[in-house]
N, C-alpha and C. Protein backbone atom coordinates (compact mmCIF):
# COMPACT_ATOMS: atom_id res chain seq x y z
N MET A 1 0.83 -1.13 -0.53
CA MET A 1 0.01 0.11 0.03
C MET A 1 0.71 1.05 -0.08
N SER A 2 0.39 2.05 -1.16
CA SER A 2 1.07 3.88 -0.63
C SER A 2 0.72 4.57 -0.04
N ASP A 3 1.93 5.26 0.49
CA ASP A 3 2.00 6.32 1.29
C ASP A 3 0.88 7.45 1.38
N PRO A 4 -0.18 7.75 2.13
CA PRO A 4 -1.09 8.53 1.81
C PRO A 4 -0.27 9.90 1.95
N THR A 5 1.20 10.50 2.49
CA THR A 5 0.75 11.34 2.38
C THR A 5 1.38 12.25 0.80
N THR A 6 1.60 10.65 0.92
CA THR A 6 2.07 11.16 -1.08
C THR A 6 1.32 11.69 -1.78
N LEU A 7 -0.18 10.62 -1.45
CA LEU A 7 -1.27 11.14 -2.88
C LEU A 7 -2.01 12.55 -2.49
N LEU A 8 -1.35 13.14 -1.71
CA LEU A 8 -2.09 15.01 -1.30
C LEU A 8 -1.32 15.67 -0.99
N LYS A 9 -1.01 16.13 -2.51
CA LYS A 9 0.01 16.98 -2.50
C LYS A 9 -0.98 18.19 -3.12
N PRO A 10 -0.84 19.45 -1.90
CA PRO A 10 -1.21 20.93 -2.11
C PRO A 10 -1.28 20.73 -4.13
N LYS A 11 -2.83 21.51 -3.91
CA LYS A 11 -2.30 22.32 -5.74
C LYS A 11 -1.74 23.84 -4.96
N THR A 12 -1.27 24.18 -5.58
CA THR A 12 -0.16 25.35 -6.03
C THR A 12 -1.29 26.44 -7.50
N VAL A 13 -1.89 27.13 -6.90
CA VAL A 13 -2.15 27.85 -7.90
C VAL A 13 -1.69 29.40 -8.13
N THR A 14 -0.79 30.05 -9.52
CA THR A 14 -0.44 30.99 -9.63
C THR A 14 -0.89 31.80 -10.11
N LYS A 15 -1.24 33.13 -9.68
CA LYS A 15 -1.99 33.87 -10.26
C LYS A 15 -1.27 34.92 -11.07
N THR A 16 -1.92 35.25 -11.89
CA THR A 16 -0.39 35.79 -13.03
C THR A 16 -1.38 37.52 -12.13
N GLU A 17 -0.75 38.60 -12.03
CA GLU A 17 -1.11 40.06 -11.74
C GLU A 17 -1.04 40.67 -13.38
N ARG A 18 -2.17 41.44 -13.41
CA ARG A 18 -2.37 42.73 -13.98
C ARG A 18 -1.04 43.31 -14.46
N PRO A 19 -0.43 44.24 -15.21
CA PRO A 19 0.84 44.60 -14.81
C PRO A 19 -0.01 46.31 -14.85
N LYS A 20 0.67 47.17 -13.93
CA LYS A 20 0.47 48.06 -13.57
C LYS A 20 0.66 49.21 -14.62
N LEU A 21 -0.82 50.26 -15.23
CA LEU A 21 -0.87 51.11 -15.76
C LEU A 21 -0.26 52.35 -15.17
N TYR A 22 -0.25 53.04 -16.48
CA TYR A 22 0.46 54.82 -16.53
C TYR A 22 0.46 55.08 -17.62
N LYS A 23 -0.68 56.57 -17.22
CA LYS A 23 -0.86 57.03 -18.07
C LYS A 23 0.47 58.39 -18.36
N VAL A 24 0.24 58.65 -19.34
CA VAL A 24 1.51 59.54 -20.52
C VAL A 24 0.35 61.09 -20.80
N ILE A 25 0.73 61.63 -19.94
CA ILE A 25 0.56 63.23 -20.35
C ILE A 25 0.95 64.63 -20.74
N LEU A 26 0.61 65.05 -21.66
CA LEU A 26 0.74 65.78 -22.69
C LEU A 26 0.47 67.17 -21.80
N LEU A 27 1.88 68.02 -21.50
CA LEU A 27 1.37 69.33 -20.46
C LEU A 27 1.90 70.81 -21.51
N ASN A 28 0.76 71.57 -21.14
CA ASN A 28 0.42 72.74 -22.23
C ASN A 28 1.86 73.31 -21.75
N ASP A 29 2.46 74.80 -23.40
CA ASP A 29 3.07 75.71 -22.68
C ASP A 29 2.27 76.08 -23.68
N ASP A 30 3.05 77.95 -23.33
CA ASP A 30 3.33 78.92 -24.83
C ASP A 30 4.12 79.43 -25.42
N PHE A 31 5.16 77.77 -25.24
CA PHE A 31 6.00 78.03 -26.42
C PHE A 31 6.28 77.04 -27.42
N THR A 32 6.13 75.73 -27.02
CA THR A 32 5.78 74.61 -28.40
C THR A 32 5.09 74.95 -29.56
N PRO A 33 5.38 75.50 -31.00
CA PRO A 33 4.70 75.55 -31.96
C PRO A 33 3.46 73.97 -31.96
N ARG A 34 2.00 74.36 -32.49
CA ARG A 34 1.37 73.20 -32.26
C ARG A 34 1.28 72.55 -33.34
N GLU A 35 2.23 73.36 -34.32
CA GLU A 35 2.77 71.47 -35.72
C GLU A 35 3.78 70.80 -34.90
N PHE A 36 4.02 71.32 -34.86
CA PHE A 36 5.46 71.02 -33.57
C PHE A 36 4.58 69.41 -33.31
N VAL A 37 3.35 69.91 -31.92
CA VAL A 37 3.88 68.79 -30.26
C VAL A 37 2.47 68.33 -32.17
N THR A 38 1.77 68.52 -33.09
CA THR A 38 1.69 67.09 -33.59
C THR A 38 1.91 66.59 -34.29
N ALA A 39 3.07 66.79 -34.37
CA ALA A 39 4.03 66.53 -35.22
C ALA A 39 4.55 65.08 -34.56
N VAL A 40 5.59 65.38 -32.83
CA VAL A 40 5.59 64.01 -32.20
C VAL A 40 4.32 63.21 -31.70
N LEU A 41 3.16 63.75 -30.98
CA LEU A 41 2.50 62.86 -31.22
C LEU A 41 1.77 61.76 -32.03
N LYS A 42 2.25 62.31 -33.35
CA LYS A 42 1.69 61.51 -34.68
C LYS A 42 3.41 60.28 -35.46
N ARG A 43 4.56 60.85 -34.75
CA ARG A 43 5.55 59.97 -34.37
C ARG A 43 5.93 59.28 -33.45
N ILE A 44 5.58 59.95 -32.15
CA ILE A 44 6.18 58.68 -31.24
C ILE A 44 4.72 57.93 -30.51
N PHE A 45 3.77 58.66 -30.51
CA PHE A 45 2.21 57.52 -29.93
C PHE A 45 1.79 57.64 -30.91
N ARG A 46 2.00 57.40 -32.47
CA ARG A 46 0.90 56.94 -33.68
C ARG A 46 -0.27 57.45 -33.87
N MET A 47 -0.61 58.62 -34.17
CA MET A 47 -1.17 58.35 -34.13
C MET A 47 -1.69 59.32 -35.67
N THR A 48 -3.06 59.45 -35.50
CA THR A 48 -4.04 59.98 -37.22
C THR A 48 -3.40 61.55 -36.45
N ARG A 49 -3.70 62.67 -38.19
CA ARG A 49 -3.07 64.37 -37.81
C ARG A 49 -4.94 64.40 -37.17
N ASP A 50 -5.77 63.46 -37.29
CA ASP A 50 -6.81 64.47 -36.42
C ASP A 50 -6.63 64.29 -35.13
N GLU A 51 -5.83 63.23 -34.67
CA GLU A 51 -6.17 61.76 -33.33
C GLU A 51 -5.08 63.06 -32.69
N ALA A 52 -4.11 64.05 -33.27
CA ALA A 52 -2.45 63.92 -32.28
C ALA A 52 -3.18 65.57 -32.57
N TYR A 53 -3.93 66.63 -33.48
CA TYR A 53 -5.03 67.62 -32.95
C TYR A 53 -5.47 67.55 -32.14
N GLY A 54 -6.02 67.10 -31.90
CA GLY A 54 -7.41 66.63 -31.49
C GLY A 54 -6.40 66.85 -29.31
N VAL A 55 -5.76 66.24 -29.29
CA VAL A 55 -4.87 65.73 -28.12
C VAL A 55 -4.07 67.10 -28.04
N MET A 56 -3.14 67.27 -29.01
CA MET A 56 -2.92 69.05 -28.78
C MET A 56 -3.72 69.36 -28.42
N LEU A 57 -5.02 69.93 -28.72
CA LEU A 57 -5.50 70.94 -28.35
C LEU A 57 -6.62 71.46 -27.16
N THR A 58 -6.89 70.06 -26.76
CA THR A 58 -7.05 69.68 -25.61
C THR A 58 -5.82 69.75 -24.46
N ALA A 59 -5.03 69.57 -24.62
CA ALA A 59 -3.76 70.06 -23.55
C ALA A 59 -3.73 71.73 -23.38
N HIS A 60 -3.79 72.15 -24.68
CA HIS A 60 -3.65 73.69 -25.07
C HIS A 60 -4.64 74.18 -24.11
N GLN A 61 -6.15 73.90 -24.45
CA GLN A 61 -7.61 74.20 -23.30
C GLN A 61 -7.69 73.81 -21.99
N LYS A 62 -6.97 72.54 -22.11
CA LYS A 62 -6.98 72.72 -20.30
C LYS A 62 -5.60 72.54 -19.17
N GLY A 63 -4.34 72.96 -20.29
CA GLY A 63 -3.28 73.19 -19.89
C GLY A 63 -2.88 71.41 -19.87
N ALA A 64 -3.36 69.93 -19.64
CA ALA A 64 -3.00 69.05 -19.62
C ALA A 64 -4.30 67.98 -20.10
N CYS A 65 -3.04 67.07 -21.13
CA CYS A 65 -4.28 65.78 -21.88
C CYS A 65 -3.33 64.77 -21.36
N VAL A 66 -4.10 63.39 -21.11
CA VAL A 66 -3.55 61.92 -21.18
C VAL A 66 -3.08 61.83 -22.30
N VAL A 67 -2.28 61.21 -23.09
CA VAL A 67 -2.00 60.69 -24.30
C VAL A 67 -2.19 59.59 -24.65
N ALA A 68 -2.23 58.60 -23.74
CA ALA A 68 -2.25 57.62 -24.04
C ALA A 68 -1.81 56.42 -23.18
N VAL A 69 -2.28 54.90 -22.55
CA VAL A 69 -1.91 55.01 -21.25
C VAL A 69 -1.47 53.37 -21.19
N TYR A 70 -0.27 53.24 -20.97
CA TYR A 70 0.92 51.91 -21.42
C TYR A 70 1.43 51.50 -19.65
N THR A 71 2.34 50.08 -19.89
CA THR A 71 2.95 49.61 -18.46
C THR A 71 3.76 50.76 -18.18
N LYS A 72 3.31 50.75 -16.96
CA LYS A 72 5.22 51.97 -16.71
C LYS A 72 5.89 52.06 -17.30
N GLU A 73 7.02 50.76 -17.49
CA GLU A 73 8.28 51.06 -18.67
C GLU A 73 8.18 51.99 -19.64
N VAL A 74 6.72 51.04 -20.94
CA VAL A 74 6.82 51.80 -22.33
C VAL A 74 6.04 53.30 -22.26
N ALA A 75 6.12 53.68 -21.04
CA ALA A 75 4.93 55.29 -20.58
C ALA A 75 5.87 56.11 -20.45
N GLU A 76 6.56 55.89 -19.42
CA GLU A 76 8.23 56.61 -19.11
C GLU A 76 8.67 56.83 -20.19
N GLU A 77 9.50 55.49 -21.14
CA GLU A 77 10.21 55.63 -22.36
C GLU A 77 9.57 56.65 -23.33
N LYS A 78 8.31 56.86 -23.27
CA LYS A 78 6.62 57.02 -24.79
C LYS A 78 7.38 58.89 -23.82
N ALA A 79 7.30 59.22 -22.65
CA ALA A 79 7.77 60.27 -22.58
C ALA A 79 8.59 61.02 -21.87
N LYS A 80 9.17 60.34 -22.32
CA LYS A 80 10.75 60.76 -22.17
C LYS A 80 11.01 61.25 -23.58
N GLU A 81 10.58 59.93 -24.37
CA GLU A 81 10.99 60.41 -25.88
C GLU A 81 10.38 61.28 -26.56
N GLY A 82 9.24 61.65 -26.19
CA GLY A 82 8.34 62.95 -26.76
C GLY A 82 9.16 64.20 -25.63
N THR A 83 9.19 64.21 -24.44
CA THR A 83 10.50 65.40 -23.72
C THR A 83 11.52 65.57 -24.35
N GLU A 84 12.11 65.14 -25.01
CA GLU A 84 14.01 64.61 -25.65
C GLU A 84 13.65 65.16 -26.44
N ALA A 85 12.13 65.27 -27.72
CA ALA A 85 12.17 65.53 -28.74
C ALA A 85 12.06 67.34 -28.98
N GLY A 86 11.09 67.67 -28.07
CA GLY A 86 11.20 69.22 -27.34
C GLY A 86 12.31 70.38 -27.69
N ARG A 87 12.97 68.90 -26.34
CA ARG A 87 14.66 70.10 -26.15
C ARG A 87 15.33 69.93 -27.44
N THR A 88 15.42 68.92 -28.35
CA THR A 88 16.09 68.34 -28.91
C THR A 88 15.75 70.28 -30.10
N ASN A 89 14.60 71.16 -30.23
CA ASN A 89 14.58 71.58 -31.26
C ASN A 89 14.39 72.51 -30.34
N GLY A 90 14.64 72.95 -29.22
CA GLY A 90 14.74 73.78 -28.28
C GLY A 90 12.99 74.14 -27.86
N PHE A 91 12.50 74.15 -27.89
CA PHE A 91 11.66 73.94 -26.89
C PHE A 91 11.09 73.20 -26.02
N PRO A 92 9.87 74.10 -25.10
CA PRO A 92 9.67 73.60 -23.24
C PRO A 92 8.80 72.17 -23.58
N LEU A 93 8.15 71.83 -24.69
CA LEU A 93 7.47 70.71 -24.36
C LEU A 93 7.72 69.50 -23.70
N THR A 94 6.82 69.03 -22.75
CA THR A 94 6.39 67.77 -21.25
C THR A 94 5.59 66.97 -21.35
N PHE A 95 6.52 65.93 -21.33
CA PHE A 95 5.18 64.48 -21.27
C PHE A 95 5.81 64.49 -19.70
N THR A 96 4.82 64.10 -19.23
CA THR A 96 5.05 62.85 -18.36
C THR A 96 4.54 61.97 -17.55
N THR A 97 4.44 61.12 -16.46
CA THR A 97 3.47 60.09 -16.49
C THR A 97 2.97 60.14 -14.87
N GLU A 98 2.60 59.64 -14.84
CA GLU A 98 0.81 59.18 -13.41
C GLU A 98 0.74 57.48 -13.55
N LYS A 99 0.87 57.28 -12.37
CA LYS A 99 -0.38 56.07 -12.70
C LYS A 99 -1.47 56.04 -12.46
N GLU A 100 -1.73 54.85 -13.22
CA GLU A 100 -3.58 55.39 -13.25
C GLU A 100 -4.24 54.62 -12.66
N ALA A 101 -5.10 54.91 -11.99
CA ALA A 101 -6.18 55.61 -10.66
C ALA A 101 -6.60 53.44 -10.38
């Protein structure tokens, strides 16, 4: 007869947790040209011209606008890339990230 302790093994249940999401936020400034902001949104965030214009206009009117939501690493990279694009061209264009609620 077999040993009863070897027959009853506890089952391990592994739960995969979804990664935390972060918002990329475009901050308005009074110096970066609208066309430049739209071009950056199209290139880095792969938006259409109309989508990019809408995001730029919302940020202009409200002071800030959520551009997209990604995992932390992707959000930080996109925000950094967008901000650097502005700095490279002499503009104070700024993107930031914030944890999604």
